[in-house]
Amino acid sequence: MARGGSRPGAGRPAGSENRDTAAMRQALSELASEHVEVALGALADIAANGQSEAARVSAACAILDRTFGRPRQAPVVARLRGLPHSGREDEDPLGGLSLGNWPAL
């Protein structure tokens, strides 16, 4: 009798949802929604009045991540110095590449 290895038809079908995890995520989200304002207020207080620079930076990053979402990993750009540039000031040297999902300033 063979042991181990992959077997045809074994495991959860591709594309199916894990219902238990989705239900637990929804329940946790409902419980946490009551504390969002307090938590953001605490982060804002630490970002403004924290005792150390590290605490202020960490709180500021947490606020940005929760407000705008965490930035996606940037694509690898092999030759940034080799991009053509005409010298015009209004031209974007990166050709419209964005940095993750951070909003443009």
C-alpha atoms as a PDB file:
ATOM      1  CA  MET A   1       0.000   0.000   0.000  1.00  0.00           C
ATOM      2  CA  ALA A   2       1.415   3.370  -1.050  1.00  0.00           C
ATOM      3  CA  ARG A   3       1.930   6.011   1.615  1.00  0.00           C
ATOM      4  CA  GLY A   4       2.323   9.761   1.405  1.00  0.00           C
ATOM      5  CA  GLY A   5       2.448  11.912  -1.670  1.00  0.00           C
ATOM      6  CA  SER A   6      -0.339  13.700  -3.450  1.00  0.00           C
ATOM      7  CA  ARG A   7      -3.586  11.928  -4.175  1.00  0.00           C
ATOM      8  CA  PRO A   8      -6.076  12.985  -6.846  1.00  0.00           C
ATOM      9  CA  GLY A   9      -9.143  14.690  -5.372  1.00  0.00           C
ATOM     10  CA  ALA A  10      -7.617  15.139  -1.903  1.00  0.00           C
ATOM     11  CA  GLY A  11      -7.956  18.404   0.004  1.00  0.00           C
ATOM     12  CA  ARG A  12     -10.242  21.376  -0.302  1.00  0.00           C
ATOM     13  CA  PRO A  13     -11.311  22.160  -3.893  1.00  0.00           C
ATOM     14  CA  ALA A  14      -9.551  25.095  -5.550  1.00  0.00           C
ATOM     15  CA  GLY A  15     -11.447  28.369  -5.218  1.00  0.00           C
ATOM     16  CA  SER A  16     -13.605  27.256  -2.295  1.00  0.00           C
ATOM     17  CA  GLU A  17     -13.809  29.504   0.756  1.00  0.00           C
ATOM     18  CA  ASN A  18     -12.875  28.508   4.256  1.00  0.00           C
ATOM     19  CA  ARG A  19     -16.237  29.298   5.880  1.00  0.00           C
ATOM     20  CA  ASP A  20     -14.997  29.019   9.459  1.00  0.00           C
ATOM     21  CA  THR A  21     -12.210  31.556   8.909  1.00  0.00           C
ATOM     22  CA  ALA A  22     -14.556  34.002   7.139  1.00  0.00           C
ATOM     23  CA  ALA A  23     -17.103  33.776   9.982  1.00  0.00           C
ATOM     24  CA  MET A  24     -14.385  34.270  12.614  1.00  0.00           C
ATOM     25  CA  ARG A  25     -12.971  37.250  10.703  1.00  0.00           C
ATOM     26  CA  GLN A  26     -16.426  38.852  10.523  1.00  0.00           C
ATOM     27  CA  ALA A  27     -17.069  38.320  14.247  1.00  0.00           C
ATOM     28  CA  LEU A  28     -13.672  39.769  15.175  1.00  0.00           C
ATOM     29  CA  SER A  29     -14.253  42.754  12.901  1.00  0.00           C
ATOM     30  CA  GLU A  30     -17.578  43.484  14.601  1.00  0.00           C
ATOM     31  CA  LEU A  31     -15.975  43.284  18.065  1.00  0.00           C
ATOM     32  CA  ALA A  32     -13.033  45.494  17.087  1.00  0.00           C
ATOM     33  CA  SER A  33     -15.155  48.149  15.349  1.00  0.00           C
ATOM     34  CA  GLU A  34     -16.193  49.496  18.769  1.00  0.00           C
ATOM     35  CA  HIS A  35     -12.580  50.337  19.630  1.00  0.00           C
ATOM     36  CA  VAL A  36     -11.312  51.881  16.381  1.00  0.00           C
ATOM     37  CA  GLU A  37     -11.681  55.523  17.445  1.00  0.00           C
ATOM     38  CA  VAL A  38      -9.969  54.926  20.790  1.00  0.00           C
ATOM     39  CA  ALA A  39      -7.092  53.028  19.160  1.00  0.00           C
ATOM     40  CA  LEU A  40      -6.508  55.681  16.479  1.00  0.00           C
ATOM     41  CA  GLY A  41      -6.680  58.389  19.141  1.00  0.00           C
ATOM     42  CA  ALA A  42      -4.011  56.577  21.162  1.00  0.00           C
ATOM     43  CA  LEU A  43      -1.793  56.213  18.086  1.00  0.00           C
ATOM     44  CA  ALA A  44      -2.240  59.898  17.252  1.00  0.00           C
ATOM     45  CA  ASP A  45      -1.311  60.869  20.815  1.00  0.00           C
ATOM     46  CA  ILE A  46       1.839  58.729  20.703  1.00  0.00           C
ATOM     47  CA  ALA A  47       2.766  60.110  17.252  1.00  0.00           C
ATOM     48  CA  ALA A  48       2.474  63.670  18.567  1.00  0.00           C
ATOM     49  CA  ASN A  49       3.721  63.303  22.149  1.00  0.00           C
ATOM     50  CA  GLY A  50       5.677  60.036  22.335  1.00  0.00           C
ATOM     51  CA  GLN A  51       8.701  59.887  24.602  1.00  0.00           C
ATOM     52  CA  SER A  52      11.034  58.445  21.968  1.00  0.00           C
ATOM     53  CA  GLU A  53      11.588  59.049  18.287  1.00  0.00           C
ATOM     54  CA  ALA A  54      11.067  55.348  17.567  1.00  0.00           C
ATOM     55  CA  ALA A  55       7.653  55.365  19.244  1.00  0.00           C
ATOM     56  CA  ARG A  56       6.549  58.445  17.289  1.00  0.00           C
ATOM     57  CA  VAL A  57       7.708  56.989  13.948  1.00  0.00           C
ATOM     58  CA  SER A  58       6.098  53.626  14.673  1.00  0.00           C
ATOM     59  CA  ALA A  59       2.779  55.245  15.610  1.00  0.00           C
ATOM     60  CA  ALA A  60       2.854  57.477  12.521  1.00  0.00           C
ATOM     61  CA  CYS A  61       3.531  54.452  10.274  1.00  0.00           C
ATOM     62  CA  ALA A  62       0.669  52.546  11.906  1.00  0.00           C
ATOM     63  CA  ILE A  63      -1.716  55.459  11.280  1.00  0.00           C
ATOM     64  CA  LEU A  64      -0.656  55.700   7.617  1.00  0.00           C
ATOM     65  CA  ASP A  65      -0.959  51.936   7.116  1.00  0.00           C
ATOM     66  CA  ARG A  66      -4.459  51.887   8.545  1.00  0.00           C
ATOM     67  CA  THR A  67      -5.580  55.004   6.706  1.00  0.00           C
ATOM     68  CA  PHE A  68      -4.191  54.371   3.204  1.00  0.00           C
ATOM     69  CA  GLY A  69      -3.386  50.652   3.419  1.00  0.00           C
ATOM     70  CA  ARG A  70       0.052  49.117   3.471  1.00  0.00           C
ATOM     71  CA  PRO A  71       2.068  49.910   0.350  1.00  0.00           C
ATOM     72  CA  ARG A  72       2.488  47.063  -2.109  1.00  0.00           C
ATOM     73  CA  GLN A  73       5.942  45.745  -2.752  1.00  0.00           C
ATOM     74  CA  ALA A  74       7.526  47.920  -5.425  1.00  0.00           C
ATOM     75  CA  PRO A  75       8.399  46.204  -8.699  1.00  0.00           C
ATOM     76  CA  VAL A  76      12.051  45.615  -9.373  1.00  0.00           C
ATOM     77  CA  VAL A  77      13.416  48.277 -11.705  1.00  0.00           C
ATOM     78  CA  ALA A  78      16.642  46.944 -13.132  1.00  0.00           C
ATOM     79  CA  ARG A  79      18.148  50.030 -14.725  1.00  0.00           C
ATOM     80  CA  LEU A  80      16.753  53.211 -13.214  1.00  0.00           C
ATOM     81  CA  ARG A  81      19.704  55.271 -14.455  1.00  0.00           C
ATOM     82  CA  GLY A  82      19.179  54.029 -18.002  1.00  0.00           C
ATOM     83  CA  LEU A  83      15.700  55.512 -18.430  1.00  0.00           C
ATOM     84  CA  PRO A  84      15.470  58.000 -21.299  1.00  0.00           C
ATOM     85  CA  HIS A  85      15.012  61.577 -20.134  1.00  0.00           C
ATOM     86  CA  SER A  86      14.551  64.570 -22.402  1.00  0.00           C
ATOM     87  CA  GLY A  87      15.604  67.102 -19.773  1.00  0.00           C
ATOM     88  CA  ARG A  88      12.197  68.798 -19.538  1.00  0.00           C
ATOM     89  CA  GLU A  89      11.243  69.665 -15.953  1.00  0.00           C
ATOM     90  CA  ASP A  90       7.584  68.661 -16.400  1.00  0.00           C
ATOM     91  CA  GLU A  91       8.455  65.161 -17.646  1.00  0.00           C
ATOM     92  CA  ASP A  92       8.150  62.272 -15.196  1.00  0.00           C
ATOM     93  CA  PRO A  93      11.491  60.387 -15.313  1.00  0.00           C
ATOM     94  CA  LEU A  94       9.815  57.212 -13.995  1.00  0.00           C
ATOM     95  CA  GLY A  95       7.251  57.198 -16.793  1.00  0.00           C
ATOM     96  CA  GLY A  96       4.196  57.119 -14.535  1.00  0.00           C
ATOM     97  CA  LEU A  97       5.361  54.333 -12.202  1.00  0.00           C
ATOM     98  CA  SER A  98       3.633  54.578  -8.827  1.00  0.00           C
ATOM     99  CA  LEU A  99       4.884  53.587  -5.402  1.00  0.00           C
ATOM    100  CA  GLY A 100       2.374  50.976  -4.274  1.00  0.00           C
ATOM    101  CA  ASN A 101      -1.028  52.214  -3.231  1.00  0.00           C
ATOM    102  CA  TRP A 102       0.175  55.420  -1.580  1.00  0.00           C
ATOM    103  CA  PRO A 103      -1.687  58.475  -2.865  1.00  0.00           C
ATOM    104  CA  ALA A 104       0.158  60.885  -5.140  1.00  0.00           C
ATOM    105  CA  LEU A 105       1.087  64.136  -3.421  1.00  0.00           C
END
